[in-house]
Protein backbone atom coordinates (compact mmCIF):
# COMPACT_ATOMS: atom_id res chain seq x y z
CA UNK A 1 -10.53 7.88 39.52
CA UNK A 2 -9.38 10.80 41.62
CA UNK A 3 -10.93 14.20 41.10
CA UNK A 4 -8.68 16.49 39.08
CA UNK A 5 -6.81 13.66 37.35
CA UNK A 6 -7.48 12.47 33.84
CA UNK A 7 -8.19 8.79 33.26
CA UNK A 8 -6.22 8.25 30.05
CA UNK A 9 -7.35 4.67 29.53
CA UNK A 10 -10.98 5.78 29.41
CA UNK A 11 -10.16 8.58 26.98
CA UNK A 12 -8.20 6.22 24.73
CA UNK A 13 -11.05 3.70 24.73
CA UNK A 14 -13.59 6.37 23.84
CA UNK A 15 -11.35 7.80 21.11
CA UNK A 16 -11.04 4.31 19.64
CA UNK A 17 -14.84 4.04 19.64
CA UNK A 18 -15.14 7.41 17.90
CA UNK A 19 -12.60 6.44 15.25
CA UNK A 20 -14.35 3.12 14.65
CA UNK A 21 -17.72 4.86 14.35
CA UNK A 22 -16.30 7.45 11.95
CA UNK A 23 -14.85 4.82 9.62
CA UNK A 24 -17.83 2.46 9.77
CA UNK A 25 -20.29 2.98 6.91
CA UNK A 26 -23.91 3.52 7.82
CA UNK A 27 -25.83 0.30 7.38
CA UNK A 28 -29.28 0.41 5.92
CA UNK A 29 -31.65 -2.43 5.40
CA UNK A 30 -32.36 -3.25 1.77
CA UNK A 31 -35.21 -5.57 2.69
CA UNK A 32 -38.67 -4.48 1.55
CA UNK A 33 -41.58 -4.62 3.97
CA UNK A 34 -43.94 -7.60 3.72
CA UNK A 35 -46.43 -5.66 1.55
CA UNK A 36 -43.69 -4.74 -0.92
CA UNK A 37 -44.46 -1.02 -0.60
CA UNK A 38 -41.79 1.37 0.53
CA UNK A 39 -42.67 4.50 2.46
CA UNK A 40 -41.46 7.59 0.66
CA UNK A 41 -39.23 9.92 2.59
CA UNK A 42 -39.50 13.63 2.01
CA UNK A 43 -35.99 15.00 1.33
CA UNK A 44 -36.72 18.29 3.09
CA UNK A 45 -37.88 16.45 6.22
CA UNK A 46 -34.84 14.19 6.21
CA UNK A 47 -32.51 17.16 5.77
CA UNK A 48 -34.21 19.12 8.56
CA UNK A 49 -34.05 16.11 10.87
CA UNK A 50 -30.32 15.72 10.20
CA UNK A 51 -29.67 19.40 10.81
CA UNK A 52 -31.66 19.24 14.05
CA UNK A 53 -29.54 16.30 15.22
CA UNK A 54 -26.33 18.20 14.46
CA UNK A 55 -27.65 21.23 16.29
CA UNK A 56 -28.65 19.20 19.35
CA UNK A 57 -25.20 17.57 19.45
CA UNK A 58 -23.55 21.00 19.38
CA UNK A 59 -25.87 22.41 22.06
CA UNK A 60 -25.26 19.39 24.30
CA UNK A 61 -21.51 19.73 23.80
CA UNK A 62 -21.61 23.41 24.67
CA UNK A 63 -23.69 22.76 27.79
CA UNK A 64 -21.32 20.04 28.98
CA UNK A 65 -18.37 22.37 28.41
CA UNK A 66 -20.03 25.13 30.41
CA UNK A 67 -20.89 22.76 33.24
CA UNK A 68 -17.29 21.49 33.35
CA UNK A 69 -15.90 25.04 33.28
CA UNK A 70 -18.16 26.01 36.17
CA UNK A 71 -16.76 23.14 38.24
CA UNK A 72 -19.59 20.60 38.11
CA UNK A 73 -18.18 17.41 39.66
CA UNK A 74 -20.61 15.22 37.71
CA UNK A 75 -19.01 16.15 34.36
CA UNK A 76 -15.72 14.53 33.34
CA UNK A 77 -13.26 16.16 30.98
CA UNK A 78 -13.31 13.02 28.84
CA UNK A 79 -17.10 13.28 28.45
CA UNK A 80 -16.77 16.92 27.43
CA UNK A 81 -14.05 16.16 24.87
CA UNK A 82 -15.95 13.21 23.41
CA UNK A 83 -19.10 15.28 23.15
CA UNK A 84 -17.17 18.04 21.38
CA UNK A 85 -15.62 15.54 18.95
CA UNK A 86 -19.02 14.00 18.17
CA UNK A 87 -20.44 17.46 17.49
CA UNK A 88 -17.44 18.32 15.33
CA UNK A 89 -17.68 15.09 13.31
CA UNK A 90 -21.39 15.53 12.71
CA UNK A 91 -20.84 19.16 11.67
CA UNK A 92 -18.04 18.19 9.27
CA UNK A 93 -20.27 15.50 7.75
CA UNK A 94 -23.01 18.10 7.28
CA UNK A 95 -20.54 20.41 5.53
CA UNK A 96 -19.53 17.58 3.18
CA UNK A 97 -23.18 16.88 2.33
CA UNK A 98 -23.71 20.58 1.67
CA UNK A 99 -20.69 20.67 -0.63
CA UNK A 100 -21.97 17.65 -2.57
CA UNK A 101 -25.41 19.23 -2.92
CA UNK A 102 -23.91 22.47 -4.22
CA UNK A 103 -21.71 20.55 -6.64
CA UNK A 104 -24.72 18.57 -7.92
CA UNK A 105 -26.73 21.79 -8.29
CA UNK A 106 -23.97 23.43 -10.35
CA UNK A 107 -23.63 20.32 -12.49
CA UNK A 108 -27.38 20.28 -13.19
CA UNK A 109 -27.42 23.99 -13.96
CA UNK A 110 -24.56 23.59 -16.44
CA UNK A 111 -26.30 20.79 -18.36
CA UNK A 112 -27.38 21.64 -21.85
CA UNK A 113 -30.95 20.88 -22.76
């Protein structure tokens, strides 16, 4: 690939990967450990971990964009765009989770006792 030119085949392949990852449901194992006990997960810890991952994706995307804008030859435009799309998708997913949580909260608050 020549410097200054965009490799469209690589971009198309990466966009196809992103689309496939976005449409693929998250797989979780439903198999119990050998002892039969399941470790409990604290919701607050899981939420904080997810938000930290979204934040790190956005920070990484911003840093790649800055490095590309400053002329770093080690950073490709396709890598910057893919990083930005990953950060955007993770942020949009976080917004959807927030909306569902707010909706559930309102539904619970409107329940009659």
